[in-house]
Amino acid sequence: MSITFQKRQKEMKRLEKQKEKAERRAQKKLAKDKEAENPNAAPLDPALDPTIDWSFKNELELDGHR
């Protein structure tokens, strides 16, 4: 392969990555705009978060408040 061909391939790959990054940014902005568009949405309540383990005991409680 000639160096010119390699340079062209490298430049094409760089342009492709740049385009993909711009698309991702546009999608994030669109999602953010949609989120801001709905101000009546209820804020996230930590009590309703299923990922929180509420049965966990605080370390201080377990140690007996040294």
N, C-alpha and C. Protein backbone atom coordinates (compact mmCIF):
# COMPACT_ATOMS: atom_id res chain seq x y z
N MET A 1 0.84 -1.18 0.00
CA MET A 1 0.00 0.00 0.00
C MET A 1 0.88 1.25 0.00
N SER A 2 0.42 2.21 -0.70
CA SER A 2 1.17 3.46 -0.71
C SER A 2 0.82 4.28 0.52
N ILE A 3 1.70 5.17 0.85
CA ILE A 3 1.50 6.02 2.03
C ILE A 3 0.29 6.92 1.83
N THR A 4 0.09 7.38 0.60
CA THR A 4 -1.04 8.26 0.30
C THR A 4 -2.36 7.54 0.60
N PHE A 5 -2.44 6.27 0.21
CA PHE A 5 -3.65 5.50 0.47
C PHE A 5 -3.87 5.34 1.97
N GLN A 6 -2.81 5.06 2.71
CA GLN A 6 -2.92 4.90 4.16
C GLN A 6 -3.37 6.20 4.81
N LYS A 7 -2.83 7.32 4.34
CA LYS A 7 -3.24 8.62 4.89
C LYS A 7 -4.71 8.88 4.61
N ARG A 8 -5.15 8.53 3.40
CA ARG A 8 -6.55 8.74 3.04
C ARG A 8 -7.46 7.88 3.90
N GLN A 9 -7.08 6.63 4.13
CA GLN A 9 -7.86 5.73 4.98
C GLN A 9 -7.93 6.26 6.41
N LYS A 10 -6.81 6.75 6.90
CA LYS A 10 -6.76 7.30 8.26
C LYS A 10 -7.67 8.52 8.37
N GLU A 11 -7.61 9.39 7.37
CA GLU A 11 -8.46 10.59 7.38
C GLU A 11 -9.94 10.21 7.30
N MET A 12 -10.27 9.23 6.49
CA MET A 12 -11.66 8.79 6.37
C MET A 12 -12.16 8.24 7.71
N LYS A 13 -11.31 7.48 8.39
CA LYS A 13 -11.68 6.93 9.69
C LYS A 13 -11.89 8.05 10.71
N ARG A 14 -11.01 9.06 10.66
CA ARG A 14 -11.13 10.21 11.57
C ARG A 14 -12.45 10.95 11.32
N LEU A 15 -12.78 11.17 10.06
CA LEU A 15 -14.02 11.86 9.73
C LEU A 15 -15.24 11.05 10.16
N GLU A 16 -15.17 9.74 10.02
CA GLU A 16 -16.27 8.87 10.43
C GLU A 16 -16.49 8.95 11.95
N LYS A 17 -15.40 8.91 12.70
CA LYS A 17 -15.50 9.03 14.16
C LYS A 17 -16.08 10.38 14.55
N GLN A 18 -15.64 11.43 13.85
CA GLN A 18 -16.14 12.77 14.14
C GLN A 18 -17.65 12.85 13.90
N LYS A 19 -18.11 12.23 12.81
CA LYS A 19 -19.53 12.23 12.49
C LYS A 19 -20.33 11.47 13.54
N GLU A 20 -19.82 10.30 13.97
CA GLU A 20 -20.50 9.50 14.99
C GLU A 20 -20.59 10.26 16.30
N LYS A 21 -19.52 10.95 16.65
CA LYS A 21 -19.51 11.72 17.90
C LYS A 21 -20.55 12.85 17.83
N ALA A 22 -20.64 13.52 16.69
CA ALA A 22 -21.61 14.59 16.53
C ALA A 22 -23.04 14.03 16.64
N GLU A 23 -23.27 12.85 16.08
CA GLU A 23 -24.59 12.22 16.18
C GLU A 23 -24.93 11.89 17.62
N ARG A 24 -23.95 11.37 18.37
CA ARG A 24 -24.20 11.05 19.79
C ARG A 24 -24.52 12.32 20.58
N ARG A 25 -23.78 13.40 20.29
CA ARG A 25 -24.04 14.66 20.98
C ARG A 25 -25.45 15.15 20.68
N ALA A 26 -25.86 15.05 19.43
CA ALA A 26 -27.20 15.50 19.03
C ALA A 26 -28.27 14.67 19.73
N GLN A 27 -28.05 13.36 19.84
CA GLN A 27 -29.02 12.50 20.52
C GLN A 27 -29.12 12.86 22.00
N LYS A 28 -27.97 13.10 22.64
CA LYS A 28 -27.98 13.48 24.06
C LYS A 28 -28.72 14.79 24.25
N LYS A 29 -28.47 15.75 23.36
CA LYS A 29 -29.12 17.05 23.47
C LYS A 29 -30.63 16.90 23.29
N LEU A 30 -31.04 16.06 22.33
CA LEU A 30 -32.45 15.83 22.09
C LEU A 30 -33.11 15.21 23.32
N ALA A 31 -32.43 14.24 23.93
CA ALA A 31 -32.97 13.58 25.13
C ALA A 31 -33.06 14.58 26.27
N LYS A 32 -32.06 15.43 26.40
CA LYS A 32 -32.06 16.44 27.47
C LYS A 32 -33.19 17.45 27.25
N ASP A 33 -33.40 17.84 26.00
CA ASP A 33 -34.47 18.78 25.68
C ASP A 33 -35.84 18.17 25.98
N LYS A 34 -36.00 16.89 25.66
CA LYS A 34 -37.27 16.21 25.95
C LYS A 34 -37.52 16.17 27.45
N GLU A 35 -36.47 15.93 28.21
CA GLU A 35 -36.59 15.86 29.67
C GLU A 35 -36.97 17.22 30.23
N ALA A 36 -36.37 18.28 29.71
CA ALA A 36 -36.67 19.63 30.17
C ALA A 36 -38.05 20.08 29.69
N GLU A 37 -38.52 19.47 28.62
CA GLU A 37 -39.81 19.82 28.04
C GLU A 37 -40.98 19.42 28.95
N ASN A 38 -40.77 18.44 29.82
CA ASN A 38 -41.83 17.93 30.67
C ASN A 38 -41.56 18.34 32.13
N PRO A 39 -41.86 19.60 32.48
CA PRO A 39 -41.57 20.06 33.84
C PRO A 39 -42.50 19.46 34.89
N ASN A 40 -43.63 18.88 34.47
CA ASN A 40 -44.58 18.31 35.42
C ASN A 40 -44.21 16.90 35.84
N ALA A 41 -43.15 16.38 35.30
CA ALA A 41 -42.73 15.02 35.66
C ALA A 41 -42.34 15.00 37.13
N ALA A 42 -42.79 13.98 37.81
CA ALA A 42 -42.51 13.88 39.24
C ALA A 42 -41.01 13.65 39.46
N PRO A 43 -40.42 14.34 40.42
CA PRO A 43 -39.01 14.11 40.70
C PRO A 43 -38.81 12.71 41.25
N LEU A 44 -37.65 12.19 41.04
CA LEU A 44 -37.37 10.84 41.51
C LEU A 44 -37.38 10.80 43.03
N ASP A 45 -38.15 9.93 43.56
CA ASP A 45 -38.23 9.75 45.00
C ASP A 45 -37.32 8.59 45.38
N PRO A 46 -36.31 8.83 46.23
CA PRO A 46 -35.41 7.75 46.61
C PRO A 46 -36.14 6.57 47.26
N ALA A 47 -37.26 6.83 47.88
CA ALA A 47 -38.01 5.75 48.54
C ALA A 47 -38.59 4.78 47.52
N LEU A 48 -38.77 5.25 46.28
CA LEU A 48 -39.34 4.40 45.24
C LEU A 48 -38.26 3.71 44.41
N ASP A 49 -36.99 4.01 44.68
CA ASP A 49 -35.88 3.44 43.91
C ASP A 49 -35.67 1.98 44.30
N PRO A 50 -35.91 1.04 43.37
CA PRO A 50 -35.77 -0.38 43.71
C PRO A 50 -34.32 -0.82 43.89
N THR A 51 -33.37 0.03 43.52
CA THR A 51 -31.96 -0.36 43.64
C THR A 51 -31.40 -0.09 45.03
N ILE A 52 -32.14 0.61 45.87
CA ILE A 52 -31.66 0.92 47.21
C ILE A 52 -32.06 -0.20 48.17
N ASP A 53 -31.08 -0.68 48.90
CA ASP A 53 -31.33 -1.74 49.89
C ASP A 53 -31.61 -1.06 51.23
N TRP A 54 -32.89 -0.93 51.57
CA TRP A 54 -33.27 -0.23 52.79
C TRP A 54 -33.06 -1.08 54.04
N SER A 55 -32.78 -2.37 53.87
CA SER A 55 -32.54 -3.22 55.03
C SER A 55 -31.10 -3.10 55.53
N PHE A 56 -30.27 -2.37 54.83
CA PHE A 56 -28.88 -2.19 55.20
C PHE A 56 -28.78 -1.41 56.50
N LYS A 57 -27.97 -1.88 57.42
CA LYS A 57 -27.77 -1.19 58.69
C LYS A 57 -26.54 -0.30 58.60
N ASN A 58 -26.63 0.87 59.18
CA ASN A 58 -25.52 1.80 59.20
C ASN A 58 -24.38 1.19 60.01
N GLU A 59 -23.15 1.45 59.59
CA GLU A 59 -21.98 0.89 60.30
C GLU A 59 -21.95 1.35 61.74
N LEU A 60 -22.37 2.59 62.01
CA LEU A 60 -22.35 3.09 63.39
C LEU A 60 -23.33 2.32 64.26
N GLU A 61 -24.47 1.96 63.69
CA GLU A 61 -25.45 1.19 64.44
C GLU A 61 -24.90 -0.20 64.79
N LEU A 62 -24.17 -0.77 63.84
CA LEU A 62 -23.63 -2.11 64.06
C LEU A 62 -22.47 -2.10 65.04
N ASP A 63 -21.70 -1.03 65.08
CA ASP A 63 -20.54 -0.93 65.97
C ASP A 63 -20.92 -0.50 67.37
N GLY A 64 -22.11 -0.05 67.59
CA GLY A 64 -22.56 0.35 68.92
C GLY A 64 -22.11 1.75 69.32
N HIS A 65 -21.93 2.65 68.38
CA HIS A 65 -21.56 4.07 68.64
C HIS A 65 -20.33 4.17 69.54
N ARG A 66 -19.28 3.60 69.21
CA ARG A 66 -18.04 3.62 70.01
C ARG A 66 -17.82 4.89 70.71
